[in-house]
């Protein structure tokens, strides 16, 4: 899908509604602009708050996947009290 757009003052470009909808781009979204040869390529990007960046690290995501697999396999325990939890942890030593 191609459409002609005009660069306005300040280098601004308005993305036509049909293109925004096709690319699922909404008001306030961030786009990365990459120069490929003589073409500009726009790619939607998510900006992650610095305080949440750890959650999206590869190591954290690997741990999340491992935890999800444990839950799926039923490799979890439930405890009524903290004492029960601590007693169970002490028995694993």
Protein backbone atom coordinates (compact mmCIF):
# COMPACT_ATOMS: atom_id res chain seq x y z
CA UNK A 1 0.00 0.00 0.00
CA UNK A 2 1.46 3.36 -0.99
CA UNK A 3 0.23 6.92 -0.58
CA UNK A 4 1.79 10.27 -1.36
CA UNK A 5 2.34 12.61 1.60
CA UNK A 6 3.83 16.09 1.83
CA UNK A 7 6.53 17.20 4.26
CA UNK A 8 5.31 20.30 6.09
CA UNK A 9 7.05 22.96 8.14
CA UNK A 10 9.36 21.48 10.72
CA UNK A 11 9.75 18.27 8.71
CA UNK A 12 6.38 16.91 9.80
CA UNK A 13 4.52 14.28 7.80
CA UNK A 14 0.91 13.24 8.33
CA UNK A 15 0.40 9.50 7.98
CA UNK A 16 -2.80 8.77 6.04
CA UNK A 17 -5.53 7.07 8.09
CA UNK A 18 -5.58 3.98 5.87
CA UNK A 19 -1.85 3.40 6.43
CA UNK A 20 -2.12 4.04 10.18
CA UNK A 21 -4.98 1.57 10.46
CA UNK A 22 -3.23 -1.07 8.34
CA UNK A 23 -0.09 -0.76 10.52
CA UNK A 24 -2.13 -0.53 13.75
CA UNK A 25 -0.56 2.84 14.59
CA UNK A 26 -2.47 5.00 17.06
CA UNK A 27 -2.12 8.58 18.29
CA UNK A 28 0.80 8.79 20.73
CA UNK A 29 2.61 5.73 19.36
CA UNK A 30 6.35 5.95 18.76
CA UNK A 31 7.90 5.16 15.39
CA UNK A 32 11.54 4.40 14.67
CA UNK A 33 12.73 6.01 11.43
CA UNK A 34 15.47 4.15 9.58
CA UNK A 35 17.23 5.28 6.41
CA UNK A 36 17.62 2.33 4.03
CA UNK A 37 19.34 3.50 0.87
CA UNK A 38 17.20 6.47 -0.15
CA UNK A 39 14.07 5.19 1.63
CA UNK A 40 12.75 6.05 5.06
CA UNK A 41 11.32 3.04 6.87
CA UNK A 42 8.94 3.64 9.80
CA UNK A 43 8.66 0.89 12.41
CA UNK A 44 6.32 1.01 15.44
CA UNK A 45 8.24 0.82 18.73
CA UNK A 46 7.28 0.54 22.37
CA UNK A 47 9.04 2.79 24.83
CA UNK A 48 9.61 1.11 28.18
CA UNK A 49 9.83 3.16 31.37
CA UNK A 50 13.32 2.86 32.90
CA UNK A 51 11.83 1.62 36.16
CA UNK A 52 10.33 -1.34 34.27
CA UNK A 53 13.28 -2.09 31.97
CA UNK A 54 14.54 -4.98 34.15
CA UNK A 55 11.32 -6.89 33.44
CA UNK A 56 12.01 -6.87 29.70
CA UNK A 57 15.65 -7.99 29.99
CA UNK A 58 16.48 -11.33 28.36
CA UNK A 59 17.44 -12.89 31.72
CA UNK A 60 14.18 -11.85 33.39
CA UNK A 61 12.08 -13.05 30.46
CA UNK A 62 13.90 -16.42 30.55
CA UNK A 63 13.03 -16.71 34.24
CA UNK A 64 9.39 -15.80 33.52
CA UNK A 65 9.20 -18.53 30.84
CA UNK A 66 10.72 -21.06 33.23
CA UNK A 67 8.21 -20.13 35.94
CA UNK A 68 5.31 -20.41 33.47
CA UNK A 69 6.53 -23.88 32.45
CA UNK A 70 6.74 -24.96 36.11
CA UNK A 71 3.18 -23.77 36.70
CA UNK A 72 1.97 -25.56 33.57
CA UNK A 73 3.64 -28.82 34.73
CA UNK A 74 2.15 -28.45 38.19
CA UNK A 75 5.54 -28.01 39.83
CA UNK A 76 4.23 -25.53 42.40
CA UNK A 77 3.20 -25.67 46.04
CA UNK A 78 0.67 -23.69 48.02
CA UNK A 79 0.94 -22.81 51.69
CA UNK A 80 -1.60 -21.55 54.19
CA UNK A 81 0.96 -19.75 56.34
CA UNK A 82 4.48 -18.38 56.09
CA UNK A 83 5.58 -20.92 58.69
CA UNK A 84 4.50 -23.75 56.36
CA UNK A 85 6.48 -22.16 53.53
CA UNK A 86 9.61 -21.73 55.66
CA UNK A 87 9.35 -25.30 57.01
CA UNK A 88 9.14 -26.61 53.44
CA UNK A 89 12.16 -24.55 52.41
CA UNK A 90 14.13 -25.81 55.42
CA UNK A 91 13.37 -29.43 54.43
CA UNK A 92 14.89 -28.90 50.96
CA UNK A 93 18.37 -28.17 52.41
